[in-house]
Amino acid sequence: MRLRAKIILCAFLVLFAAASFLTVLADLGVFDRQEPDGAAEGGYALRAWEGHIGVFSPPDALAPRSVTDIRLDGLPASDRLALTAGVPAADQAEVARLLEDYGS
């Protein structure tokens, strides 16, 4: 009988330790879903597409919703690098403003 009581007590302690561990991980935010680094936060992203600027929606889409006539080779290196990574835009108004900036 003593052995059975010890086994039950050990099982209870193991379950309690596991529940405590999971609670600590949840409090630390380990289980929160997060966007990958560099993910666009808005509904659009401007990215390089076949030598031009493409407008992607949703931001992680594989193909652009539209492609502009703005060529990447006419832009400064910093802009080309940013467009390679993806430039987030919250809405169509911001997309238009960004495209105007790149086009001038």
N, C-alpha and C. Protein backbone atom coordinates (compact mmCIF):
# COMPACT_ATOMS: atom_id res chain seq x y z
N MET A 1 0.81 -1.19 0.00
CA MET A 1 0.00 0.00 0.00
C MET A 1 0.86 1.26 0.00
N ARG A 2 1.95 1.21 0.72
CA ARG A 2 2.83 2.39 0.77
C ARG A 2 3.37 2.72 -0.61
N LEU A 3 3.73 1.71 -1.38
CA LEU A 3 4.29 1.91 -2.71
C LEU A 3 3.25 2.57 -3.62
N ARG A 4 2.02 2.12 -3.54
CA ARG A 4 0.95 2.70 -4.37
C ARG A 4 0.74 4.17 -4.01
N ALA A 5 0.76 4.49 -2.75
CA ALA A 5 0.58 5.88 -2.30
C ALA A 5 1.73 6.75 -2.81
N LYS A 6 2.95 6.22 -2.78
CA LYS A 6 4.11 6.97 -3.28
C LYS A 6 4.00 7.22 -4.78
N ILE A 7 3.55 6.23 -5.53
CA ILE A 7 3.40 6.38 -6.98
C ILE A 7 2.34 7.42 -7.31
N ILE A 8 1.23 7.38 -6.59
CA ILE A 8 0.15 8.37 -6.82
C ILE A 8 0.65 9.77 -6.46
N LEU A 9 1.36 9.90 -5.36
CA LEU A 9 1.90 11.20 -4.96
C LEU A 9 2.90 11.72 -5.98
N CYS A 10 3.77 10.86 -6.49
CA CYS A 10 4.75 11.27 -7.51
C CYS A 10 4.04 11.70 -8.79
N ALA A 11 3.02 10.96 -9.20
CA ALA A 11 2.27 11.33 -10.41
C ALA A 11 1.61 12.68 -10.23
N PHE A 12 1.03 12.91 -9.05
CA PHE A 12 0.40 14.21 -8.77
C PHE A 12 1.43 15.33 -8.82
N LEU A 13 2.60 15.13 -8.25
CA LEU A 13 3.64 16.15 -8.25
C LEU A 13 4.15 16.44 -9.67
N VAL A 14 4.27 15.40 -10.49
CA VAL A 14 4.71 15.58 -11.88
C VAL A 14 3.68 16.40 -12.65
N LEU A 15 2.40 16.06 -12.49
CA LEU A 15 1.34 16.82 -13.17
C LEU A 15 1.30 18.27 -12.69
N PHE A 16 1.47 18.48 -11.39
CA PHE A 16 1.49 19.84 -10.85
C PHE A 16 2.67 20.63 -11.40
N ALA A 17 3.84 20.01 -11.49
CA ALA A 17 5.02 20.68 -12.03
C ALA A 17 4.81 21.02 -13.51
N ALA A 18 4.23 20.10 -14.28
CA ALA A 18 3.99 20.36 -15.70
C ALA A 18 2.99 21.51 -15.88
N ALA A 19 1.92 21.52 -15.08
CA ALA A 19 0.94 22.60 -15.17
C ALA A 19 1.57 23.94 -14.79
N SER A 20 2.41 23.94 -13.78
CA SER A 20 3.09 25.17 -13.37
C SER A 20 4.03 25.67 -14.46
N PHE A 21 4.75 24.76 -15.07
CA PHE A 21 5.67 25.12 -16.15
C PHE A 21 4.92 25.74 -17.33
N LEU A 22 3.81 25.13 -17.72
CA LEU A 22 3.01 25.66 -18.83
C LEU A 22 2.42 27.03 -18.48
N THR A 23 2.04 27.23 -17.24
CA THR A 23 1.52 28.53 -16.81
C THR A 23 2.60 29.60 -16.91
N VAL A 24 3.81 29.28 -16.50
CA VAL A 24 4.92 30.24 -16.60
C VAL A 24 5.20 30.57 -18.06
N LEU A 25 5.21 29.57 -18.94
CA LEU A 25 5.44 29.82 -20.36
C LEU A 25 4.34 30.70 -20.95
N ALA A 26 3.10 30.47 -20.56
CA ALA A 26 2.00 31.29 -21.05
C ALA A 26 2.14 32.74 -20.56
N ASP A 27 2.54 32.92 -19.30
CA ASP A 27 2.74 34.27 -18.76
C ASP A 27 3.87 35.00 -19.48
N LEU A 28 4.86 34.27 -19.95
CA LEU A 28 5.98 34.87 -20.68
C LEU A 28 5.62 35.17 -22.13
N GLY A 29 4.47 34.70 -22.59
CA GLY A 29 4.03 34.97 -23.95
C GLY A 29 4.57 34.01 -24.98
N VAL A 30 5.05 32.87 -24.55
CA VAL A 30 5.63 31.90 -25.47
C VAL A 30 4.59 31.38 -26.45
N PHE A 31 3.35 31.26 -26.02
CA PHE A 31 2.31 30.70 -26.86
C PHE A 31 1.58 31.73 -27.70
N ASP A 32 1.92 33.01 -27.57
CA ASP A 32 1.28 34.06 -28.37
C ASP A 32 1.73 33.95 -29.80
N ARG A 33 0.76 34.06 -30.73
CA ARG A 33 1.11 34.04 -32.15
C ARG A 33 1.68 35.40 -32.51
N GLN A 34 2.81 35.39 -33.17
CA GLN A 34 3.46 36.61 -33.60
C GLN A 34 3.77 36.51 -35.08
N GLU A 35 3.75 37.67 -35.74
CA GLU A 35 4.13 37.72 -37.14
C GLU A 35 5.63 37.49 -37.25
N PRO A 36 6.08 36.86 -38.29
CA PRO A 36 7.50 36.71 -38.49
C PRO A 36 8.17 38.06 -38.64
N ASP A 37 9.46 38.10 -38.29
CA ASP A 37 10.20 39.35 -38.43
C ASP A 37 10.12 39.84 -39.86
N GLY A 38 9.89 41.15 -40.00
CA GLY A 38 9.84 41.73 -41.32
C GLY A 38 8.49 41.64 -41.99
N ALA A 39 7.52 41.07 -41.34
CA ALA A 39 6.21 40.98 -41.94
C ALA A 39 5.57 42.33 -41.95
N ALA A 40 4.86 42.60 -43.00
CA ALA A 40 4.16 43.86 -43.13
C ALA A 40 2.98 43.88 -42.18
N GLU A 41 2.76 45.03 -41.54
CA GLU A 41 1.69 45.13 -40.57
C GLU A 41 0.38 45.59 -41.20
N GLY A 42 0.43 46.24 -42.35
CA GLY A 42 -0.78 46.74 -42.95
C GLY A 42 -1.40 45.73 -43.90
N GLY A 43 -2.32 46.23 -44.71
CA GLY A 43 -2.99 45.36 -45.64
C GLY A 43 -2.27 45.26 -46.97
N TYR A 44 -1.19 46.01 -47.16
CA TYR A 44 -0.46 46.05 -48.42
C TYR A 44 1.04 46.02 -48.16
N ALA A 45 1.77 45.66 -49.18
CA ALA A 45 3.23 45.75 -49.14
C ALA A 45 3.71 46.07 -50.54
N LEU A 46 4.70 46.93 -50.63
CA LEU A 46 5.38 47.20 -51.90
C LEU A 46 6.64 46.37 -51.91
N ARG A 47 6.82 45.59 -52.98
CA ARG A 47 8.00 44.74 -53.07
C ARG A 47 8.51 44.74 -54.51
N ALA A 48 9.78 44.38 -54.63
CA ALA A 48 10.39 44.26 -55.94
C ALA A 48 9.74 43.10 -56.69
N TRP A 49 9.43 43.33 -57.97
CA TRP A 49 8.82 42.28 -58.79
C TRP A 49 9.27 42.45 -60.23
N GLU A 50 10.11 41.56 -60.69
CA GLU A 50 10.59 41.54 -62.07
C GLU A 50 11.09 42.90 -62.54
N GLY A 51 11.90 43.54 -61.70
CA GLY A 51 12.52 44.81 -62.06
C GLY A 51 11.65 46.03 -61.84
N HIS A 52 10.44 45.85 -61.33
CA HIS A 52 9.51 46.96 -61.06
C HIS A 52 9.01 46.86 -59.62
N ILE A 53 8.20 47.84 -59.21
CA ILE A 53 7.58 47.79 -57.90
C ILE A 53 6.22 47.12 -58.04
N GLY A 54 5.99 46.08 -57.23
CA GLY A 54 4.72 45.39 -57.20
C GLY A 54 3.96 45.75 -55.94
N VAL A 55 2.64 45.80 -56.05
CA VAL A 55 1.78 46.07 -54.90
C VAL A 55 1.14 44.74 -54.50
N PHE A 56 1.43 44.29 -53.30
CA PHE A 56 0.97 42.99 -52.81
C PHE A 56 -0.10 43.18 -51.73
N SER A 57 -1.19 42.44 -51.87
CA SER A 57 -2.24 42.44 -50.85
C SER A 57 -2.92 41.09 -50.89
N PRO A 58 -2.85 40.35 -49.81
CA PRO A 58 -2.22 40.64 -48.52
C PRO A 58 -0.71 40.73 -48.66
N PRO A 59 -0.06 41.32 -47.69
CA PRO A 59 1.38 41.58 -47.79
C PRO A 59 2.24 40.35 -48.07
N ASP A 60 1.79 39.17 -47.64
CA ASP A 60 2.59 37.97 -47.85
C ASP A 60 2.17 37.18 -49.09
N ALA A 61 1.40 37.81 -49.97
CA ALA A 61 0.96 37.15 -51.20
C ALA A 61 2.17 36.79 -52.06
N LEU A 62 2.03 35.72 -52.82
CA LEU A 62 3.12 35.28 -53.68
C LEU A 62 3.22 36.08 -54.96
N ALA A 63 2.11 36.60 -55.43
CA ALA A 63 2.10 37.39 -56.67
C ALA A 63 1.47 38.75 -56.38
N PRO A 64 1.91 39.78 -57.08
CA PRO A 64 1.38 41.12 -56.80
C PRO A 64 -0.04 41.29 -57.31
N ARG A 65 -0.76 42.18 -56.65
CA ARG A 65 -2.09 42.56 -57.09
C ARG A 65 -1.98 43.44 -58.33
N SER A 66 -0.94 44.27 -58.35
CA SER A 66 -0.65 45.10 -59.53
C SER A 66 0.84 45.37 -59.58
N VAL A 67 1.31 45.72 -60.78
CA VAL A 67 2.73 46.04 -60.98
C VAL A 67 2.80 47.44 -61.57
N THR A 68 3.65 48.27 -60.99
CA THR A 68 3.78 49.65 -61.47
C THR A 68 4.79 49.71 -62.62
N ASP A 69 4.88 50.87 -63.23
CA ASP A 69 5.89 51.07 -64.27
C ASP A 69 7.17 51.68 -63.70
N ILE A 70 7.27 51.77 -62.37
CA ILE A 70 8.46 52.32 -61.72
C ILE A 70 9.53 51.24 -61.70
N ARG A 71 10.63 51.49 -62.38
CA ARG A 71 11.72 50.52 -62.48
C ARG A 71 12.63 50.62 -61.25
N LEU A 72 13.08 49.48 -60.79
CA LEU A 72 13.96 49.44 -59.62
C LEU A 72 15.34 49.99 -59.92
N ASP A 73 15.82 49.80 -61.15
CA ASP A 73 17.19 50.24 -61.47
C ASP A 73 17.32 51.76 -61.47
N GLY A 74 16.21 52.49 -61.45
CA GLY A 74 16.27 53.95 -61.38
C GLY A 74 16.21 54.48 -59.96
N LEU A 75 16.11 53.59 -58.98
CA LEU A 75 15.99 54.00 -57.58
C LEU A 75 17.33 53.90 -56.86
N PRO A 76 17.50 54.67 -55.79
CA PRO A 76 18.71 54.55 -54.98
C PRO A 76 18.83 53.15 -54.38
N ALA A 77 20.05 52.76 -54.06
CA ALA A 77 20.31 51.42 -53.52
C ALA A 77 19.52 51.16 -52.24
N SER A 78 19.37 52.16 -51.39
CA SER A 78 18.64 51.97 -50.13
C SER A 78 17.16 51.65 -50.40
N ASP A 79 16.58 52.31 -51.40
CA ASP A 79 15.18 52.03 -51.75
C ASP A 79 15.04 50.64 -52.35
N ARG A 80 15.99 50.25 -53.20
CA ARG A 80 15.94 48.90 -53.78
C ARG A 80 16.03 47.84 -52.69
N LEU A 81 16.90 48.07 -51.71
CA LEU A 81 17.06 47.13 -50.61
C LEU A 81 15.76 47.05 -49.79
N ALA A 82 15.15 48.19 -49.49
CA ALA A 82 13.90 48.21 -48.74
C ALA A 82 12.80 47.48 -49.50
N LEU A 83 12.72 47.68 -50.80
CA LEU A 83 11.69 47.03 -51.60
C LEU A 83 11.94 45.54 -51.75
N THR A 84 13.18 45.12 -51.68
CA THR A 84 13.48 43.69 -51.70
C THR A 84 12.93 43.03 -50.44
N ALA A 85 13.04 43.71 -49.30
CA ALA A 85 12.53 43.18 -48.04
C ALA A 85 11.01 43.35 -47.93
N GLY A 86 10.48 44.40 -48.55
CA GLY A 86 9.05 44.68 -48.48
C GLY A 86 8.79 45.93 -47.66
N VAL A 87 8.04 46.85 -48.23
CA VAL A 87 7.69 48.10 -47.54
C VAL A 87 6.20 48.03 -47.20
N PRO A 88 5.84 48.00 -45.89
CA PRO A 88 4.44 47.87 -45.51
C PRO A 88 3.66 49.15 -45.77
N ALA A 89 2.37 48.99 -46.07
CA ALA A 89 1.46 50.12 -46.23
C ALA A 89 0.13 49.73 -45.60
N ALA A 90 -0.43 50.62 -44.81
CA ALA A 90 -1.65 50.30 -44.08
C ALA A 90 -2.89 50.30 -44.96
N ASP A 91 -2.91 51.21 -45.97
CA ASP A 91 -4.11 51.31 -46.80
C ASP A 91 -3.72 51.81 -48.19
N GLN A 92 -4.71 51.97 -49.06
CA GLN A 92 -4.44 52.39 -50.44
C GLN A 92 -3.88 53.81 -50.50
N ALA A 93 -4.29 54.67 -49.58
CA ALA A 93 -3.76 56.03 -49.55
C ALA A 93 -2.26 56.02 -49.28
N GLU A 94 -1.83 55.17 -48.38
CA GLU A 94 -0.40 55.09 -48.09
C GLU A 94 0.35 54.46 -49.27
N VAL A 95 -0.26 53.49 -49.94
CA VAL A 95 0.35 52.91 -51.13
C VAL A 95 0.56 54.01 -52.17
N ALA A 96 -0.46 54.84 -52.40
CA ALA A 96 -0.35 55.92 -53.38
C ALA A 96 0.75 56.91 -53.00
N ARG A 97 0.83 57.23 -51.72
CA ARG A 97 1.87 58.19 -51.26
C ARG A 97 3.26 57.60 -51.47
N LEU A 98 3.44 56.33 -51.10
CA LEU A 98 4.75 55.69 -51.27
C LEU A 98 5.14 55.60 -52.75
N LEU A 99 4.18 55.24 -53.59
CA LEU A 99 4.48 55.15 -55.02
C LEU A 99 4.83 56.52 -55.60
N GLU A 100 4.16 57.55 -55.11
CA GLU A 100 4.50 58.90 -55.55
C GLU A 100 5.92 59.26 -55.15
N ASP A 101 6.32 58.89 -53.94
CA ASP A 101 7.68 59.15 -53.48
C ASP A 101 8.70 58.39 -54.33
N TYR A 102 8.42 57.13 -54.62
CA TYR A 102 9.36 56.34 -55.43
C TYR A 102 9.39 56.81 -56.88
N GLY A 103 8.27 57.33 -57.36
CA GLY A 103 8.19 57.75 -58.76
C GLY A 103 8.83 59.09 -59.05
N SER A 104 9.07 59.90 -58.01
CA SER A 104 9.66 61.22 -58.27
C SER A 104 11.16 61.23 -58.25
